[in-house]
C-alpha atoms as a PDB file:
ATOM      1  CA  MET A   1      -0.001  -0.001  -0.003  1.00  0.00           C
ATOM      2  CA  SER A   2       2.862   2.406   0.721  1.00  0.00           C
ATOM      3  CA  TYR A   3       4.060   2.071  -2.872  1.00  0.00           C
ATOM      4  CA  LEU A   4       0.584   2.792  -4.249  1.00  0.00           C
ATOM      5  CA  ALA A   5       0.244   5.744  -1.878  1.00  0.00           C
ATOM      6  CA  THR A   6       3.552   7.120  -3.107  1.00  0.00           C
ATOM      7  CA  ARG A   7       2.431   6.852  -6.718  1.00  0.00           C
ATOM      8  CA  LEU A   8      -0.862   8.562  -5.919  1.00  0.00           C
ATOM      9  CA  PHE A   9       0.890  11.368  -4.056  1.00  0.00           C
ATOM     10  CA  GLY A  10       3.270  11.817  -6.968  1.00  0.00           C
ATOM     11  CA  PHE A  11       0.306  12.191  -9.314  1.00  0.00           C
ATOM     12  CA  LEU A  12      -1.360  14.768  -7.114  1.00  0.00           C
ATOM     13  CA  VAL A  13       1.717  16.991  -6.635  1.00  0.00           C
ATOM     14  CA  THR A  14       2.623  17.063 -10.331  1.00  0.00           C
ATOM     15  CA  PRO A  15       2.232  20.745 -11.297  1.00  0.00           C
ATOM     16  CA  SER A  16       0.298  20.125 -14.520  1.00  0.00           C
ATOM     17  CA  ASN A  17      -2.134  17.874 -12.644  1.00  0.00           C
ATOM     18  CA  LEU A  18      -2.573  20.476  -9.911  1.00  0.00           C
ATOM     19  CA  VAL A  19      -3.254  23.240 -12.427  1.00  0.00           C
ATOM     20  CA  ALA A  20      -5.747  21.056 -14.299  1.00  0.00           C
ATOM     21  CA  THR A  21      -7.471  20.224 -11.005  1.00  0.00           C
ATOM     22  CA  ILE A  22      -7.778  23.907 -10.119  1.00  0.00           C
ATOM     23  CA  CYS A  23      -9.268  24.715 -13.538  1.00  0.00           C
ATOM     24  CA  LEU A  24     -11.698  21.805 -13.261  1.00  0.00           C
ATOM     25  CA  LEU A  25     -12.758  22.837  -9.767  1.00  0.00           C
ATOM     26  CA  GLY A  26     -13.416  26.373 -10.946  1.00  0.00           C
ATOM     27  CA  LEU A  27     -15.452  25.121 -13.878  1.00  0.00           C
ATOM     28  CA  LEU A  28     -17.566  22.853 -11.666  1.00  0.00           C
ATOM     29  CA  LEU A  29     -18.251  25.669  -9.215  1.00  0.00           C
ATOM     30  CA  THR A  30     -19.524  27.900 -12.031  1.00  0.00           C
ATOM     31  CA  LEU A  31     -22.155  25.283 -12.775  1.00  0.00           C
ATOM     32  CA  VAL A  32     -23.661  25.540  -9.311  1.00  0.00           C
ATOM     33  CA  ARG A  33     -24.467  28.453  -7.014  1.00  0.00           C
ATOM     34  CA  TRP A  34     -20.831  29.443  -6.362  1.00  0.00           C
ATOM     35  CA  ARG A  35     -20.376  30.977  -9.804  1.00  0.00           C
ATOM     36  CA  LYS A  36     -18.370  34.001  -8.681  1.00  0.00           C
ATOM     37  CA  ALA A  37     -15.916  31.875  -6.692  1.00  0.00           C
ATOM     38  CA  GLY A  38     -15.716  29.407  -9.561  1.00  0.00           C
ATOM     39  CA  ALA A  39     -14.894  32.165 -12.034  1.00  0.00           C
ATOM     40  CA  ARG A  40     -12.093  33.430  -9.795  1.00  0.00           C
ATOM     41  CA  ILE A  41     -10.663  29.963  -9.328  1.00  0.00           C
ATOM     42  CA  SER A  42     -10.846  29.303 -13.065  1.00  0.00           C
ATOM     43  CA  ALA A  43      -9.026  32.575 -13.767  1.00  0.00           C
ATOM     44  CA  ALA A  44      -6.340  31.661 -11.237  1.00  0.00           C
ATOM     45  CA  GLY A  45      -5.975  28.242 -12.853  1.00  0.00           C
ATOM     46  CA  ILE A  46      -5.586  29.725 -16.315  1.00  0.00           C
ATOM     47  CA  ALA A  47      -3.011  32.226 -15.044  1.00  0.00           C
ATOM     48  CA  LEU A  48      -1.058  29.408 -13.382  1.00  0.00           C
ATOM     49  CA  LEU A  49      -1.246  27.387 -16.572  1.00  0.00           C
ATOM     50  CA  LEU A  50       0.292  30.215 -18.598  1.00  0.00           C
ATOM     51  CA  VAL A  51       3.016  30.912 -16.041  1.00  0.00           C
ATOM     52  CA  CYS A  52       3.928  27.240 -15.637  1.00  0.00           C
ATOM     53  CA  GLY A  53       3.883  26.571 -19.372  1.00  0.00           C
ATOM     54  CA  PHE A  54       5.565  29.614 -20.873  1.00  0.00           C
ATOM     55  CA  SER A  55       7.820  31.019 -18.139  1.00  0.00           C
ATOM     56  CA  PRO A  56      11.343  29.638 -17.446  1.00  0.00           C
ATOM     57  CA  LEU A  57      10.144  28.260 -14.094  1.00  0.00           C
ATOM     58  CA  GLY A  58      10.801  24.675 -15.229  1.00  0.00           C
ATOM     59  CA  ASN A  59      14.401  25.563 -16.087  1.00  0.00           C
ATOM     60  CA  TRP A  60      14.940  27.332 -12.746  1.00  0.00           C
ATOM     61  CA  LEU A  61      13.937  24.168 -10.928  1.00  0.00           C
ATOM     62  CA  LEU A  62      15.646  21.646 -13.212  1.00  0.00           C
ATOM     63  CA  LEU A  63      19.069  23.261 -13.665  1.00  0.00           C
ATOM     64  CA  PRO A  64      20.234  23.005 -10.025  1.00  0.00           C
ATOM     65  CA  LEU A  65      19.511  19.271 -10.259  1.00  0.00           C
ATOM     66  CA  SER A  66      21.020  18.542 -13.667  1.00  0.00           C
ATOM     67  CA  GLU A  67      24.127  20.679 -13.078  1.00  0.00           C
ATOM     68  CA  ARG A  68      24.876  19.215  -9.642  1.00  0.00           C
ATOM     69  CA  PHE A  69      27.132  16.453 -10.956  1.00  0.00           C
ATOM     70  CA  PRO A  70      29.519  17.155 -13.852  1.00  0.00           C
ATOM     71  CA  ALA A  71      30.029  14.830 -16.788  1.00  0.00           C
ATOM     72  CA  TRP A  72      32.235  11.836 -15.994  1.00  0.00           C
ATOM     73  CA  HIS A  73      35.796  11.938 -17.320  1.00  0.00           C
ATOM     74  CA  ASP A  74      37.867   8.853 -18.007  1.00  0.00           C
ATOM     75  CA  ASP A  75      41.096   8.940 -15.973  1.00  0.00           C
ATOM     76  CA  GLY A  76      42.452   5.745 -17.488  1.00  0.00           C
ATOM     77  CA  ARG A  77      41.190   3.345 -14.834  1.00  0.00           C
ATOM     78  CA  ALA A  78      38.470   1.130 -16.227  1.00  0.00           C
ATOM     79  CA  PRO A  79      35.374   0.515 -14.097  1.00  0.00           C
ATOM     80  CA  ASP A  80      34.618  -2.960 -12.774  1.00  0.00           C
ATOM     81  CA  GLY A  81      30.911  -2.492 -13.322  1.00  0.00           C
ATOM     82  CA  ILE A  82      28.298  -0.113 -14.670  1.00  0.00           C
ATOM     83  CA  VAL A  83      24.873   0.232 -13.061  1.00  0.00           C
ATOM     84  CA  VAL A  84      22.171   1.494 -15.422  1.00  0.00           C
ATOM     85  CA  LEU A  85      18.979   2.622 -13.725  1.00  0.00           C
ATOM     86  CA  GLY A  86      15.597   1.932 -15.272  1.00  0.00           C
ATOM     87  CA  GLY A  87      13.385   4.658 -16.624  1.00  0.00           C
ATOM     88  CA  ALA A  88      14.299   4.532 -20.299  1.00  0.00           C
ATOM     89  CA  ILE A  89      12.034   1.688 -21.375  1.00  0.00           C
ATOM     90  CA  SER A  90       8.246   1.346 -21.512  1.00  0.00           C
ATOM     91  CA  PRO A  91       7.754  -2.351 -20.644  1.00  0.00           C
ATOM     92  CA  ASP A  92       4.026  -2.387 -21.408  1.00  0.00           C
ATOM     93  CA  LEU A  93       4.446  -0.797 -24.855  1.00  0.00           C
ATOM     94  CA  THR A  94       7.356  -3.095 -25.536  1.00  0.00           C
ATOM     95  CA  ALA A  95       5.215  -6.131 -24.730  1.00  0.00           C
ATOM     96  CA  GLU A  96       2.394  -4.897 -26.935  1.00  0.00           C
ATOM     97  CA  ARG A  97       4.598  -3.991 -29.914  1.00  0.00           C
ATOM     98  CA  GLY A  98       7.159  -6.765 -29.676  1.00  0.00           C
ATOM     99  CA  THR A  99      10.154  -4.407 -29.828  1.00  0.00           C
ATOM    100  CA  ALA A 100      12.035  -2.261 -27.318  1.00  0.00           C
ATOM    101  CA  GLU A 101      10.124   1.008 -26.901  1.00  0.00           C
ATOM    102  CA  LEU A 102      12.288   3.753 -25.416  1.00  0.00           C
ATOM    103  CA  ASN A 103      11.093   7.035 -23.926  1.00  0.00           C
ATOM    104  CA  ALA A 104      12.599  10.500 -23.314  1.00  0.00           C
ATOM    105  CA  SER A 105      15.336   8.968 -21.141  1.00  0.00           C
ATOM    106  CA  ALA A 106      16.577   6.660 -23.906  1.00  0.00           C
ATOM    107  CA  GLU A 107      20.147   7.911 -23.349  1.00  0.00           C
ATOM    108  CA  ARG A 108      20.364   5.587 -20.353  1.00  0.00           C
ATOM    109  CA  MET A 109      20.339   2.632 -22.704  1.00  0.00           C
ATOM    110  CA  THR A 110      22.465   4.167 -25.436  1.00  0.00           C
ATOM    111  CA  ALA A 111      25.045   5.114 -22.790  1.00  0.00           C
ATOM    112  CA  ALA A 112      24.994   1.533 -21.509  1.00  0.00           C
ATOM    113  CA  ALA A 113      25.784   0.204 -24.980  1.00  0.00           C
ATOM    114  CA  GLU A 114      28.529   2.773 -25.507  1.00  0.00           C
ATOM    115  CA  LEU A 115      30.143   2.086 -22.125  1.00  0.00           C
ATOM    116  CA  ALA A 116      29.988  -1.650 -22.749  1.00  0.00           C
ATOM    117  CA  ARG A 117      32.004  -1.096 -25.906  1.00  0.00           C
ATOM    118  CA  ARG A 118      34.522   1.231 -24.225  1.00  0.00           C
ATOM    119  CA  PHE A 119      35.089  -1.039 -21.224  1.00  0.00           C
ATOM    120  CA  PRO A 120      34.855  -4.638 -22.475  1.00  0.00           C
ATOM    121  CA  ASN A 121      35.633  -6.203 -19.081  1.00  0.00           C
ATOM    122  CA  ALA A 122      33.039  -4.304 -17.081  1.00  0.00           C
ATOM    123  CA  LYS A 123      29.803  -5.895 -15.926  1.00  0.00           C
ATOM    124  CA  ILE A 124      26.643  -4.148 -17.109  1.00  0.00           C
ATOM    125  CA  VAL A 125      23.939  -4.164 -14.431  1.00  0.00           C
ATOM    126  CA  LEU A 126      20.432  -3.271 -15.553  1.00  0.00           C
ATOM    127  CA  SER A 127      18.352  -2.221 -12.561  1.00  0.00           C
ATOM    128  CA  GLY A 128      14.635  -1.910 -13.166  1.00  0.00           C
ATOM    129  CA  GLY A 129      11.467  -3.885 -12.618  1.00  0.00           C
ATOM    130  CA  ASN A 130       8.073  -2.637 -13.739  1.00  0.00           C
ATOM    131  CA  ALA A 131       6.577   0.338 -11.901  1.00  0.00           C
ATOM    132  CA  ASN A 132       3.381   0.239 -13.969  1.00  0.00           C
ATOM    133  CA  VAL A 133       0.697  -0.558 -11.395  1.00  0.00           C
ATOM    134  CA  PHE A 134      -1.968  -1.511 -13.932  1.00  0.00           C
ATOM    135  CA  HIS A 135       0.113  -3.375 -16.526  1.00  0.00           C
ATOM    136  CA  PRO A 136       2.825  -5.457 -14.793  1.00  0.00           C
ATOM    137  CA  LEU A 137       3.895  -7.251 -17.962  1.00  0.00           C
ATOM    138  CA  SER A 138       7.652  -7.476 -18.513  1.00  0.00           C
ATOM    139  CA  THR A 139      10.478  -5.733 -16.675  1.00  0.00           C
ATOM    140  CA  GLU A 140      12.838  -2.994 -17.815  1.00  0.00           C
ATOM    141  CA  ALA A 141      15.868  -5.114 -16.966  1.00  0.00           C
ATOM    142  CA  GLU A 142      14.701  -7.946 -19.219  1.00  0.00           C
ATOM    143  CA  VAL A 143      13.825  -5.658 -22.112  1.00  0.00           C
ATOM    144  CA  GLY A 144      17.159  -3.896 -21.684  1.00  0.00           C
ATOM    145  CA  ARG A 145      19.008  -7.207 -21.706  1.00  0.00           C
ATOM    146  CA  VAL A 146      17.493  -8.173 -25.047  1.00  0.00           C
ATOM    147  CA  LEU A 147      18.213  -4.729 -26.464  1.00  0.00           C
ATOM    148  CA  LEU A 148      21.869  -4.746 -25.405  1.00  0.00           C
ATOM    149  CA  GLU A 149      22.403  -8.276 -26.696  1.00  0.00           C
ATOM    150  CA  ASN A 150      20.949  -7.192 -30.048  1.00  0.00           C
ATOM    151  CA  LEU A 151      23.458  -4.335 -30.009  1.00  0.00           C
ATOM    152  CA  GLY A 152      26.326  -6.769 -29.556  1.00  0.00           C
ATOM    153  CA  VAL A 153      26.854  -6.895 -25.793  1.00  0.00           C
ATOM    154  CA  ALA A 154      27.722 -10.428 -24.668  1.00  0.00           C
ATOM    155  CA  ALA A 155      25.026 -12.084 -22.565  1.00  0.00           C
ATOM    156  CA  ASP A 156      27.450 -13.157 -19.844  1.00  0.00           C
ATOM    157  CA  ARG A 157      28.337  -9.523 -19.142  1.00  0.00           C
ATOM    158  CA  ILE A 158      24.764  -8.432 -18.418  1.00  0.00           C
ATOM    159  CA  VAL A 159      23.356  -8.711 -14.896  1.00  0.00           C
ATOM    160  CA  ARG A 160      19.644  -8.127 -14.314  1.00  0.00           C
ATOM    161  CA  GLU A 161      18.043  -6.662 -11.215  1.00  0.00           C
ATOM    162  CA  ASP A 162      14.368  -6.824 -12.083  1.00  0.00           C
ATOM    163  CA  ARG A 163      12.566  -6.281  -8.770  1.00  0.00           C
ATOM    164  CA  SER A 164      13.015  -2.553  -8.180  1.00  0.00           C
ATOM    165  CA  ARG A 165      10.199  -0.082  -8.783  1.00  0.00           C
ATOM    166  CA  ASN A 166      11.862   3.102  -7.562  1.00  0.00           C
ATOM    167  CA  THR A 167      15.290   4.631  -6.927  1.00  0.00           C
ATOM    168  CA  TYR A 168      15.519   3.384  -3.348  1.00  0.00           C
ATOM    169  CA  GLU A 169      14.876  -0.193  -4.439  1.00  0.00           C
ATOM    170  CA  ASN A 170      17.365   0.265  -7.303  1.00  0.00           C
ATOM    171  CA  ALA A 171      20.121   0.859  -4.748  1.00  0.00           C
ATOM    172  CA  ILE A 172      19.156  -1.820  -2.223  1.00  0.00           C
ATOM    173  CA  PHE A 173      18.397  -4.620  -4.677  1.00  0.00           C
ATOM    174  CA  THR A 174      21.371  -3.876  -6.943  1.00  0.00           C
ATOM    175  CA  ARG A 175      23.723  -3.905  -3.985  1.00  0.00           C
ATOM    176  CA  ASP A 176      22.371  -7.288  -2.913  1.00  0.00           C
ATOM    177  CA  VAL A 177      22.709  -8.704  -6.433  1.00  0.00           C
ATOM    178  CA  VAL A 178      26.247  -7.587  -7.297  1.00  0.00           C
ATOM    179  CA  LYS A 179      27.743  -7.474  -3.773  1.00  0.00           C
ATOM    180  CA  PRO A 180      30.390  -4.839  -4.589  1.00  0.00           C
ATOM    181  CA  LYS A 181      33.823  -5.474  -3.122  1.00  0.00           C
ATOM    182  CA  PRO A 182      36.066  -2.866  -1.499  1.00  0.00           C
ATOM    183  CA  GLY A 183      38.267  -1.159  -4.065  1.00  0.00           C
ATOM    184  CA  GLU A 184      36.003  -1.869  -7.019  1.00  0.00           C
ATOM    185  CA  ARG A 185      34.992   0.959  -9.285  1.00  0.00           C
ATOM    186  CA  TRP A 186      31.338   1.247 -10.259  1.00  0.00           C
ATOM    187  CA  LEU A 187      29.674   3.829 -12.486  1.00  0.00           C
ATOM    188  CA  LEU A 188      26.060   4.863 -12.032  1.00  0.00           C
ATOM    189  CA  VAL A 189      24.205   5.796 -15.212  1.00  0.00           C
ATOM    190  CA  THR A 190      21.019   7.825 -14.954  1.00  0.00           C
ATOM    191  CA  SER A 191      19.531  11.129 -16.081  1.00  0.00           C
ATOM    192  CA  ALA A 192      21.456  14.190 -14.909  1.00  0.00           C
ATOM    193  CA  TYR A 193      18.467  15.681 -13.081  1.00  0.00           C
ATOM    194  CA  HIS A 194      17.949  12.371 -11.259  1.00  0.00           C
ATOM    195  CA  MET A 195      21.588  11.920 -10.253  1.00  0.00           C
ATOM    196  CA  PRO A 196      21.520  13.743  -6.867  1.00  0.00           C
ATOM    197  CA  ARG A 197      18.764  11.522  -5.499  1.00  0.00           C
ATOM    198  CA  ALA A 198      20.278   8.389  -7.020  1.00  0.00           C
ATOM    199  CA  ILE A 199      23.736   9.082  -5.591  1.00  0.00           C
ATOM    200  CA  GLY A 200      22.179   9.819  -2.219  1.00  0.00           C
ATOM    201  CA  VAL A 201      20.409   6.478  -1.930  1.00  0.00           C
ATOM    202  CA  PHE A 202      23.394   4.496  -3.207  1.00  0.00           C
ATOM    203  CA  ARG A 203      25.598   6.170  -0.615  1.00  0.00           C
ATOM    204  CA  ALA A 204      23.069   5.402   2.117  1.00  0.00           C
ATOM    205  CA  ALA A 205      23.010   1.779   0.919  1.00  0.00           C
ATOM    206  CA  ASN A 206      26.829   1.597   1.293  1.00  0.00           C
ATOM    207  CA  PHE A 207      27.313   1.065  -2.419  1.00  0.00           C
ATOM    208  CA  PRO A 208      30.036   3.490  -3.583  1.00  0.00           C
ATOM    209  CA  VAL A 209      29.402   4.611  -7.161  1.00  0.00           C
ATOM    210  CA  GLU A 210      30.646   7.367  -9.458  1.00  0.00           C
ATOM    211  CA  ALA A 211      28.145   9.556 -11.235  1.00  0.00           C
ATOM    212  CA  TYR A 212      27.810   9.146 -14.999  1.00  0.00           C
ATOM    213  CA  PRO A 213      25.046  11.650 -15.796  1.00  0.00           C
ATOM    214  CA  ILE A 214      23.333  11.668 -19.171  1.00  0.00           C
ATOM    215  CA  ASP A 215      19.985  12.870 -20.564  1.00  0.00           C
ATOM    216  CA  TRP A 216      20.724  16.484 -19.592  1.00  0.00           C
ATOM    217  CA  ARG A 217      17.499  18.037 -20.998  1.00  0.00           C
ATOM    218  CA  THR A 218      19.101  21.530 -21.118  1.00  0.00           C
ATOM    219  CA  SER A 219      22.259  23.084 -22.558  1.00  0.00           C
ATOM    220  CA  GLY A 220      23.212  24.565 -19.191  1.00  0.00           C
ATOM    221  CA  TRP A 221      22.728  27.709 -17.124  1.00  0.00           C
ATOM    222  CA  LYS A 222      22.422  29.874 -20.244  1.00  0.00           C
ATOM    223  CA  GLU A 223      18.871  28.498 -20.534  1.00  0.00           C
ATOM    224  CA  ALA A 224      17.929  29.657 -17.034  1.00  0.00           C
ATOM    225  CA  GLY A 225      15.981  32.702 -18.151  1.00  0.00           C
ATOM    226  CA  ARG A 226      14.749  31.390 -21.472  1.00  0.00           C
ATOM    227  CA  PRO A 227      10.942  31.159 -21.757  1.00  0.00           C
ATOM    228  CA  PHE A 228       9.219  28.302 -23.532  1.00  0.00           C
ATOM    229  CA  LEU A 229       7.507  28.720 -26.877  1.00  0.00           C
ATOM    230  CA  LYS A 230       5.288  25.676 -26.368  1.00  0.00           C
ATOM    231  CA  LEU A 231       2.983  25.323 -23.399  1.00  0.00           C
ATOM    232  CA  SER A 232       3.420  21.558 -23.311  1.00  0.00           C
ATOM    233  CA  ALA A 233       7.227  21.835 -23.263  1.00  0.00           C
ATOM    234  CA  GLY A 234       7.226  24.160 -20.271  1.00  0.00           C
ATOM    235  CA  LEU A 235       4.766  22.004 -18.356  1.00  0.00           C
ATOM    236  CA  ALA A 236       6.767  18.850 -19.087  1.00  0.00           C
ATOM    237  CA  ARG A 237       9.994  20.488 -17.863  1.00  0.00           C
ATOM    238  CA  LEU A 238       8.299  21.743 -14.710  1.00  0.00           C
ATOM    239  CA  ASP A 239       6.689  18.362 -13.992  1.00  0.00           C
ATOM    240  CA  THR A 240      10.051  16.605 -14.302  1.00  0.00           C
ATOM    241  CA  ALA A 241      11.813  19.045 -11.993  1.00  0.00           C
ATOM    242  CA  ALA A 242       9.036  19.200  -9.395  1.00  0.00           C
ATOM    243  CA  ARG A 243       8.782  15.422  -9.221  1.00  0.00           C
ATOM    244  CA  GLU A 244      12.511  15.163  -8.578  1.00  0.00           C
ATOM    245  CA  TRP A 245      12.551  17.838  -5.863  1.00  0.00           C
ATOM    246  CA  VAL A 246       9.608  16.174  -4.128  1.00  0.00           C
ATOM    247  CA  GLY A 247      11.478  12.863  -4.373  1.00  0.00           C
ATOM    248  CA  LEU A 248      14.613  14.359  -2.826  1.00  0.00           C
ATOM    249  CA  ILE A 249      12.708  15.834   0.089  1.00  0.00           C
ATOM    250  CA  GLY A 250      10.617  12.717   0.591  1.00  0.00           C
ATOM    251  CA  TYR A 251      13.632  10.404   0.564  1.00  0.00           C
ATOM    252  CA  ARG A 252      15.426  12.558   3.122  1.00  0.00           C
ATOM    253  CA  LEU A 253      12.405  12.682   5.435  1.00  0.00           C
ATOM    254  CA  ALA A 254      11.975   8.910   5.105  1.00  0.00           C
ATOM    255  CA  GLY A 255      15.635   8.299   5.965  1.00  0.00           C
ATOM    256  CA  ARG A 256      16.451   6.812   2.580  1.00  0.00           C
ATOM    257  CA  THR A 257      19.276   9.319   2.093  1.00  0.00           C
ATOM    258  CA  ASP A 258      21.581  11.042   4.557  1.00  0.00           C
ATOM    259  CA  GLU A 259      21.734  14.336   2.659  1.00  0.00           C
ATOM    260  CA  TRP A 260      19.164  16.885   1.543  1.00  0.00           C
ATOM    261  CA  PHE A 261      20.971  17.648  -1.711  1.00  0.00           C
ATOM    262  CA  PRO A 262      23.803  15.170  -2.445  1.00  0.00           C
ATOM    263  CA  ALA A 263      26.848  16.620  -4.162  1.00  0.00           C
ATOM    264  CA  PRO A 264      30.033  15.163  -5.740  1.00  0.00           C
END
C-alpha cells in the first residue's frame, strides 16, 4: 500500500495535474451556485497554466539538479561495473509492440551500450522492474538485456536486477545482487536531473558509485531565463523538476538518504 500511496501522491503533486485540477474545480463551481468563486478559481488556474507553461520556471527548478554532478571523465582506470537505472524503457508498450520502446530517457540505454564497448571487461547491471501498477507485464531489466544483446553486448556480461520499482529499491536490490567489493569501481548511469537523489540512496546503501550523468535536457545555465515557446514543453519540464525535488525531500524525510541535496 505504501508504494501505491507514493504513486498517488506523486500524481497529485505534479504541477500540470494540480493546475488542471484547479481549472476543473473552478469550472464545476460555475455550474452551481458558487459561480463568482468558480470564475475566480478558473481565472487563477488559467493564469497558473500560462506561467507554468511559458515562463522559465521549469528551467529554474531543473538546472540546479542537472548541473549538480559534472560529466564523468575517463582517468584511465576502467570501471569494474556499470549500473544502469531503469526509466528509459516502456515495458508495457514493448510487450504490446514486440520491440524495445524507449522514452525520453533513452540515453540511459544508449550510454549503456557505448560504455559496454569502451570497457569490455566491465559488468553491465540493468536495474529496473516494472513500476506500472496496472500493466505489470515485462520488466525494464529484461527488455534492456534483449536490447543490449541485439546491439552486440555479450550475454554473460549483463546482470539483471528486475525487482526494483523506484530509486531506493534500485540501490538496495542492486547492492544485494552484485555485492560490490572494497576497491572496485562502479559507475552509475542515470539522467542528470535524477543523479543527486540516485547518488544519495546508493551512498546510504553503502554502495560506492561514481556519477555518470546523461539525458541532460538543457544546454546549461544559459537557458535559465529562457521562456518556452510551447505550453506543453514548459509544463513537461516543470513536472520533471518538481517530481525530482519532491522525491529528494521525501527520501530525506523517510531516511532513505543522509543528505538533503547530495553533491560530488
